[in-house]
Amino acid sequence: MKFLIILLMSIFITATSFAQFGVKAKKINEVFLKLDRKQSFNKGSKFKYTICARMKNGKIKDLSNNSGVIISGEGVEKRGRNEILILKSNDCSKENYILNYSFTKGDYSFRGKDSIQLNYQGRVLCNFSGIDGKDGIDGKKENMIERSIRGRDGDDGYQGKNGEDGNSGPYLKAFVRKDSLSDLILIDVFNLDNNQLYCYKTTSLRNGLTFFVNGGKGGHGGNGSAGQDGRNEVEKNNGKIKRSGKGGDGGHGGSGGNGGIGGVVEVYVHEGLESETNKIVIQNHGGEAGRPGKGGAAGEAGKNIDGSVSQQNGLSGITGTEGLKGMNGEDKKIQLVKDLNFKLF
């Protein structure tokens, strides 16, 4: 059984290594983007892709996980493994997105360009959640220069920085209606916090529509650094004795940031879509609290020449305070309206 496990691990490592390093750039004829055009392409959603190399012998090899691959484009962002997120946009007419990709290895470089067109299929994800707070920086650790110039006693550790608070979710107003010309469902979202209008479309409200206005997570507190050890007692060549030193106290941990408050969404739906309002979901949870940083370890007292200890050890640093969870946003009922020219602002 153990031999079988080792064999399987060897095969996996070999396959992974081949995927990363097995492609010889000089044998590549071209690099191209492979897409399943039947998948959903819509603002707020992600789609999968593969970067491939067509070798001079006609074989196709997957380059997607190779570190030499770069893919980018205006209005999109690489997320996770082989996935691209189509970002929300103020441009209501934008339907086509250019994707630029390249593969570089040594002296060889290959570039290409492709595009996708929104098909407005799949669940519409309107993500306006607050940004997570940044984690606090850990307390600085001693370096050799600092250690060489300090006295007999160990210095105290440095305190970890506090985590930042998460941002609160915004206040949105959204109007959902059907376009009589294109037969698409139009979703106009007005962000009252920054006075910006964002546009979404879908082939059917039955695809699902979710608004995310969750509060951002609080950043975690940084850990305190350890106190320095005291120096040992030593006797100099001239017979002078240098005492042993006390241990330094550990630095305190930083406090976790507070979670952001959940936002508010007012949704107005044209009465012609009343039967499909059950497909609309609003998430406005408060952001999670940031964890506290741990206190640094205490420094040990130095020893005397005879091995005894006459100085005190330092004190351990104190763990920081946990942040507070953000409050959930106010819930608003979906309202039906008759006027197709209803104004959000």
Protein backbone atom coordinates (compact mmCIF):
# COMPACT_ATOMS: atom_id res chain seq x y z
CA MET A 1 0.00 0.00 0.00
CA LYS A 2 2.83 2.38 0.92
CA PHE A 3 4.56 1.62 -2.39
CA LEU A 4 1.32 2.41 -4.30
CA ILE A 5 0.96 5.79 -2.53
CA ILE A 6 4.59 6.69 -3.31
CA LEU A 7 4.10 5.62 -6.95
CA LEU A 8 0.95 7.78 -7.32
CA MET A 9 2.71 10.77 -5.75
CA SER A 10 5.64 10.32 -8.13
CA ILE A 11 3.30 10.25 -11.13
CA PHE A 12 1.53 13.42 -9.91
CA ILE A 13 4.80 15.28 -9.33
CA THR A 14 6.14 14.18 -12.71
CA ALA A 15 2.94 15.28 -14.48
CA THR A 16 2.95 18.63 -12.68
CA SER A 17 6.61 19.20 -13.47
CA PHE A 18 6.03 18.35 -17.13
CA ALA A 19 3.12 20.82 -17.28
CA GLN A 20 5.35 23.53 -15.86
CA PHE A 21 8.68 22.84 -17.49
CA GLY A 22 8.13 20.17 -20.17
CA VAL A 23 7.24 22.56 -23.00
CA LYS A 24 10.26 23.57 -25.09
CA ALA A 25 9.64 27.08 -26.36
CA LYS A 26 11.70 26.61 -29.51
CA LYS A 27 9.33 23.84 -30.60
CA ILE A 28 6.20 26.03 -30.28
CA ASN A 29 4.54 27.15 -33.51
CA GLU A 30 1.92 29.44 -31.92
CA VAL A 31 0.10 30.17 -28.67
CA PHE A 32 -3.69 30.56 -28.66
CA LEU A 33 -6.65 31.03 -26.30
CA LYS A 34 -9.17 28.22 -25.97
CA LEU A 35 -12.68 29.15 -24.82
CA ASP A 36 -15.99 27.35 -24.53
CA ARG A 37 -18.21 29.93 -26.23
CA LYS A 38 -21.32 28.26 -24.80
CA GLN A 39 -20.52 29.28 -21.23
CA SER A 40 -22.08 32.36 -19.62
CA PHE A 41 -20.49 35.73 -20.36
CA ASN A 42 -21.98 38.52 -18.27
CA LYS A 43 -20.85 41.35 -16.03
CA GLY A 44 -20.06 40.15 -12.54
CA SER A 45 -19.58 36.53 -13.62
CA LYS A 46 -16.47 34.46 -14.25
CA PHE A 47 -15.62 32.35 -17.26
CA LYS A 48 -13.02 29.64 -17.78
CA TYR A 49 -10.22 29.69 -20.33
CA THR A 50 -7.16 27.71 -21.38
CA ILE A 51 -3.91 29.03 -22.86
CA CYS A 52 -2.58 26.44 -25.32
CA ALA A 53 0.55 25.95 -27.39
CA ARG A 54 0.39 24.40 -30.84
CA MET A 55 3.70 22.63 -31.29
CA LYS A 56 5.52 22.36 -34.58
CA ASN A 57 4.67 18.64 -34.67
CA GLY A 58 0.96 19.53 -34.49
CA LYS A 59 0.38 18.52 -30.85
CA ILE A 60 -1.53 20.81 -28.46
CA LYS A 61 -0.20 21.45 -24.96
CA ASP A 62 -1.84 23.29 -22.03
CA LEU A 63 0.23 26.26 -20.83
CA SER A 64 -2.34 27.75 -18.44
CA ASN A 65 -0.45 26.92 -15.24
CA ASN A 66 2.95 27.95 -16.58
CA SER A 67 4.49 30.93 -14.79
CA GLY A 68 5.39 32.49 -18.15
CA VAL A 69 1.75 33.03 -19.10
CA ILE A 70 0.10 36.45 -18.71
CA ILE A 71 -3.50 37.29 -19.62
CA SER A 72 -5.19 40.65 -19.19
CA GLY A 73 -7.74 43.01 -20.66
CA GLU A 74 -9.68 46.17 -20.00
CA GLY A 75 -12.76 45.49 -17.87
CA VAL A 76 -11.68 41.99 -16.84
CA GLU A 77 -9.53 40.55 -14.07
CA LYS A 78 -7.87 37.18 -13.63
CA ARG A 79 -9.33 35.32 -10.68
CA GLY A 80 -8.31 31.94 -9.39
CA ARG A 81 -7.11 29.14 -11.60
CA ASN A 82 -7.97 29.55 -15.28
CA GLU A 83 -10.83 31.95 -14.52
CA ILE A 84 -11.50 35.57 -15.52
CA LEU A 85 -13.99 37.91 -13.86
CA ILE A 86 -15.92 40.41 -15.98
CA LEU A 87 -15.99 43.56 -13.86
CA LYS A 88 -19.00 45.78 -13.27
CA SER A 89 -19.02 48.83 -15.48
CA ASN A 90 -20.51 52.30 -15.98
CA ASP A 91 -20.46 51.71 -19.75
CA CYS A 92 -23.94 50.43 -20.53
CA SER A 93 -23.16 49.83 -24.20
CA LYS A 94 -19.97 47.78 -23.75
CA GLU A 95 -20.50 44.23 -25.00
CA ASN A 96 -17.10 43.17 -26.33
CA TYR A 97 -13.95 42.61 -24.29
CA ILE A 98 -10.45 42.22 -25.73
CA LEU A 99 -8.19 39.63 -24.09
CA ASN A 100 -4.42 39.99 -24.50
CA TYR A 101 -2.25 37.02 -23.63
CA SER A 102 1.41 36.11 -23.87
CA PHE A 103 3.82 33.32 -23.04
CA THR A 104 7.48 34.00 -22.37
CA LYS A 105 10.23 31.49 -21.71
CA GLY A 106 13.87 32.42 -21.97
CA ASP A 107 14.52 34.25 -25.24
CA TYR A 108 11.18 33.16 -26.73
CA SER A 109 8.02 35.22 -26.50
CA PHE A 110 4.59 34.59 -28.04
CA ARG A 111 1.67 37.04 -28.00
CA GLY A 112 -1.94 36.84 -29.04
CA LYS A 113 -5.28 38.58 -28.85
CA ASP A 114 -8.84 37.30 -28.67
CA SER A 115 -12.22 38.65 -27.60
CA ILE A 116 -15.46 37.66 -25.92
CA GLN A 117 -18.95 39.05 -26.39
CA LEU A 118 -21.47 39.21 -23.56
CA ASN A 119 -24.33 36.77 -24.05
CA TYR A 120 -26.15 37.89 -20.86
CA GLN A 121 -26.70 34.32 -19.74
CA GLY A 122 -26.35 32.91 -16.25
CA ARG A 123 -27.01 34.45 -12.84
CA VAL A 124 -26.35 38.17 -12.62
CA LEU A 125 -23.97 38.96 -9.74
CA CYS A 126 -23.90 42.62 -8.71
CA ASN A 127 -21.00 42.74 -6.27
CA PHE A 128 -20.71 46.01 -4.35
CA SER A 129 -19.46 44.57 -1.05
CA GLY A 130 -17.14 46.64 1.09
CA ILE A 131 -13.39 46.14 0.76
CA ASP A 132 -11.74 44.00 3.43
CA GLY A 133 -9.48 45.73 5.92
CA LYS A 134 -5.74 45.08 5.58
CA ASP A 135 -4.00 42.86 8.11
CA GLY A 136 -1.73 44.49 10.65
CA ILE A 137 2.01 44.09 10.18
CA ASP A 138 3.84 41.78 12.58
CA GLY A 139 6.19 43.36 15.09
CA LYS A 140 9.73 43.84 13.80
CA LYS A 141 12.25 41.16 14.70
CA GLU A 142 15.74 41.94 15.91
CA ASN A 143 18.54 42.00 13.40
CA MET A 144 22.24 41.30 13.92
CA ILE A 145 23.21 45.00 13.97
CA GLU A 146 20.68 45.82 16.67
CA ARG A 147 21.82 42.86 18.71
CA SER A 148 25.49 43.83 18.48
CA ILE A 149 24.97 47.37 19.84
CA ARG A 150 22.47 46.77 22.64
CA GLY A 151 23.36 46.38 26.32
CA ARG A 152 23.35 43.34 28.56
CA ASP A 153 19.57 43.17 28.93
CA GLY A 154 17.42 41.87 26.11
CA ASP A 155 15.29 44.48 24.33
CA ASP A 156 11.52 44.19 24.40
CA GLY A 157 9.78 42.88 21.30
CA TYR A 158 7.83 45.19 19.02
CA GLN A 159 4.06 45.40 19.08
CA GLY A 160 2.03 44.07 16.16
CA LYS A 161 0.01 46.67 14.25
CA ASN A 162 -3.77 46.73 14.47
CA GLY A 163 -5.82 45.33 11.59
CA GLU A 164 -7.79 47.86 9.56
CA ASP A 165 -11.58 48.05 9.72
CA GLY A 166 -13.51 46.62 6.79
CA ASN A 167 -15.40 49.09 4.62
CA SER A 168 -19.17 49.21 4.89
CA GLY A 169 -21.42 48.16 2.03
CA PRO A 170 -22.99 51.02 0.01
CA TYR A 171 -26.56 52.20 -0.36
CA LEU A 172 -27.92 51.11 -3.77
CA LYS A 173 -31.06 51.77 -5.74
CA ALA A 174 -31.84 49.32 -8.55
CA PHE A 175 -34.51 49.37 -11.24
CA VAL A 176 -35.34 46.17 -13.14
CA ARG A 177 -37.37 46.29 -16.34
CA LYS A 178 -37.72 44.58 -19.73
CA ASP A 179 -36.46 46.23 -22.89
CA SER A 180 -39.16 45.91 -25.55
CA LEU A 181 -36.63 46.21 -28.40
CA SER A 182 -33.98 43.67 -27.37
CA ASP A 183 -36.24 41.54 -25.13
CA LEU A 184 -33.46 41.65 -22.52
CA ILE A 185 -33.97 42.41 -18.84
CA LEU A 186 -32.23 45.71 -17.98
CA ILE A 187 -30.88 46.27 -14.47
CA ASP A 188 -29.74 49.79 -13.63
CA VAL A 189 -27.93 50.13 -10.31
CA PHE A 190 -27.26 53.56 -8.82
CA ASN A 191 -24.68 53.73 -6.02
CA LEU A 192 -25.70 56.61 -3.77
CA ASP A 193 -22.33 56.53 -1.98
CA ASN A 194 -20.30 57.53 -5.07
CA ASN A 195 -23.09 58.77 -7.39
CA GLN A 196 -22.21 56.20 -10.06
CA LEU A 197 -24.61 54.31 -12.33
CA TYR A 198 -23.85 50.69 -13.26
CA CYS A 199 -25.66 48.65 -15.93
CA TYR A 200 -26.41 44.95 -16.17
CA LYS A 201 -28.48 42.85 -18.57
CA THR A 202 -29.81 39.30 -18.58
CA THR A 203 -31.81 37.14 -20.97
CA SER A 204 -34.26 36.30 -18.18
CA LEU A 205 -34.75 37.22 -14.55
CA ARG A 206 -35.23 33.49 -14.01
CA ASN A 207 -31.45 33.21 -14.43
CA GLY A 208 -31.20 34.77 -10.98
CA LEU A 209 -30.15 38.20 -9.74
CA THR A 210 -28.05 38.68 -6.60
CA PHE A 211 -26.93 41.93 -5.01
CA PHE A 212 -23.88 41.74 -2.72
CA VAL A 213 -23.47 44.69 -0.34
CA ASN A 214 -21.81 42.86 2.53
CA GLY A 215 -19.51 44.68 4.89
CA GLY A 216 -15.80 44.07 4.39
CA LYS A 217 -13.95 41.79 6.78
CA GLY A 218 -11.83 43.34 9.49
CA GLY A 219 -8.10 42.86 9.05
CA HIS A 220 -6.27 40.54 11.42
CA GLY A 221 -3.98 42.01 14.05
CA GLY A 222 -0.24 41.59 13.59
CA ASN A 223 1.70 39.32 15.94
CA GLY A 224 4.04 40.82 18.48
CA SER A 225 7.70 39.92 18.08
CA ALA A 226 9.63 37.97 20.71
CA GLY A 227 11.62 39.66 23.44
CA GLN A 228 15.40 39.32 23.11
CA ASP A 229 17.34 37.02 25.37
CA GLY A 230 19.64 38.58 27.92
CA ARG A 231 23.37 38.18 27.42
CA ASN A 232 25.29 35.57 29.37
CA GLU A 233 27.79 36.59 32.03
CA VAL A 234 31.34 36.69 30.65
CA GLU A 235 34.83 37.32 32.02
CA LYS A 236 37.03 39.58 29.91
CA ASN A 237 40.78 39.07 29.37
CA ASN A 238 41.49 41.77 31.93
CA GLY A 239 39.51 39.86 34.56
CA LYS A 240 36.52 42.19 34.47
CA ILE A 241 33.15 40.45 34.75
CA LYS A 242 30.23 41.53 32.58
CA ARG A 243 26.95 40.61 34.23
CA SER A 244 24.24 38.47 32.74
CA GLY A 245 21.19 40.30 31.34
CA LYS A 246 17.47 40.19 31.86
CA GLY A 247 15.20 38.81 29.15
CA GLY A 248 13.13 41.30 27.13
CA ASP A 249 9.35 41.32 27.20
CA GLY A 250 7.45 40.01 24.18
CA GLY A 251 5.59 42.57 22.08
CA HIS A 252 1.83 42.74 22.37
CA GLY A 253 -0.35 41.49 19.52
CA GLY A 254 -2.31 44.01 17.46
CA SER A 255 -6.07 44.19 17.70
CA GLY A 256 -8.28 42.86 14.92
CA GLY A 257 -10.18 45.34 12.78
CA ASN A 258 -13.94 45.70 12.95
CA GLY A 259 -16.12 44.28 10.21
CA GLY A 260 -17.90 46.78 7.96
CA ILE A 261 -21.63 47.39 8.20
CA GLY A 262 -23.81 45.70 5.58
CA GLY A 263 -25.26 47.98 2.92
CA VAL A 264 -28.80 48.67 1.79
CA VAL A 265 -30.47 47.88 -1.55
CA GLU A 266 -33.76 49.36 -2.72
CA VAL A 267 -35.02 47.28 -5.65
CA TYR A 268 -37.79 48.55 -7.94
CA VAL A 269 -39.21 46.04 -10.44
CA HIS A 270 -41.57 46.80 -13.27
CA GLU A 271 -44.92 45.18 -12.58
CA GLY A 272 -44.63 43.09 -15.74
CA LEU A 273 -41.90 41.04 -14.00
CA GLU A 274 -43.81 40.52 -10.75
CA SER A 275 -43.87 36.72 -11.10
CA GLU A 276 -40.05 36.57 -11.22
CA THR A 277 -39.20 38.77 -8.22
CA ASN A 278 -38.56 35.61 -6.17
CA LYS A 279 -35.34 35.19 -8.17
CA ILE A 280 -33.89 38.38 -6.66
CA VAL A 281 -31.57 37.93 -3.66
CA ILE A 282 -29.92 40.57 -1.49
CA GLN A 283 -26.91 39.80 0.71
CA ASN A 284 -26.06 42.58 3.16
CA HIS A 285 -24.35 40.79 6.02
CA GLY A 286 -22.02 42.57 8.39
CA GLY A 287 -18.33 41.92 7.83
CA GLU A 288 -16.49 39.37 9.92
CA ALA A 289 -14.35 40.58 12.79
CA GLY A 290 -10.58 40.50 12.45
CA ARG A 291 -8.63 38.07 14.62
CA PRO A 292 -6.27 39.46 17.26
CA GLY A 293 -2.53 39.14 16.89
CA LYS A 294 -0.63 36.84 19.23
CA GLY A 295 1.71 38.19 21.87
CA GLY A 296 5.42 37.64 21.36
CA ALA A 297 7.40 35.12 23.39
CA ALA A 298 9.35 36.32 26.39
CA GLY A 299 13.12 36.57 26.19
CA GLU A 300 15.14 34.33 28.49
CA ALA A 301 17.52 35.68 31.10
CA GLY A 302 21.22 35.23 30.46
CA LYS A 303 23.17 32.64 32.41
CA ASN A 304 26.00 33.19 34.81
CA ILE A 305 29.41 31.66 34.22
CA ASP A 306 28.59 28.83 36.62
CA GLY A 307 25.35 28.07 34.74
CA SER A 308 23.03 29.60 37.32
CA VAL A 309 20.46 32.26 36.52
CA SER A 310 20.21 35.39 38.69
CA GLN A 311 18.29 37.66 36.31
CA GLN A 312 14.61 37.59 35.41
CA ASN A 313 13.06 36.23 32.26
CA GLY A 314 10.95 38.68 30.26
CA LEU A 315 7.16 38.66 30.22
CA SER A 316 5.18 37.18 27.33
CA GLY A 317 3.34 39.68 25.16
CA ILE A 318 -0.42 40.00 25.50
CA THR A 319 -2.74 38.83 22.74
CA GLY A 320 -4.58 41.71 21.04
CA THR A 321 -8.30 42.33 21.17
CA GLU A 322 -10.63 40.70 18.63
CA GLY A 323 -12.47 43.12 16.37
CA LEU A 324 -16.24 43.53 16.33
CA LYS A 325 -18.49 41.92 13.73
CA GLY A 326 -20.22 44.46 11.52
CA MET A 327 -23.98 44.94 11.77
CA ASN A 328 -26.22 43.60 9.03
CA GLY A 329 -27.67 46.17 6.66
CA GLU A 330 -31.31 47.24 6.71
CA ASP A 331 -33.66 44.99 4.76
CA LYS A 332 -35.88 46.63 2.16
CA LYS A 333 -38.86 45.04 0.44
CA ILE A 334 -38.85 44.78 -3.35
CA GLN A 335 -41.26 47.36 -4.76
CA LEU A 336 -43.32 47.07 -7.95
CA VAL A 337 -43.65 50.12 -10.21
CA LYS A 338 -45.72 50.85 -13.32
CA ASP A 339 -43.67 53.62 -14.94
CA LEU A 340 -41.02 52.35 -17.38
CA ASN A 341 -39.37 55.77 -17.15
CA PHE A 342 -38.94 55.50 -13.40
CA LYS A 343 -35.93 57.52 -12.19
CA LEU A 344 -33.47 56.11 -9.66
CA PHE A 345 -32.17 59.55 -8.73
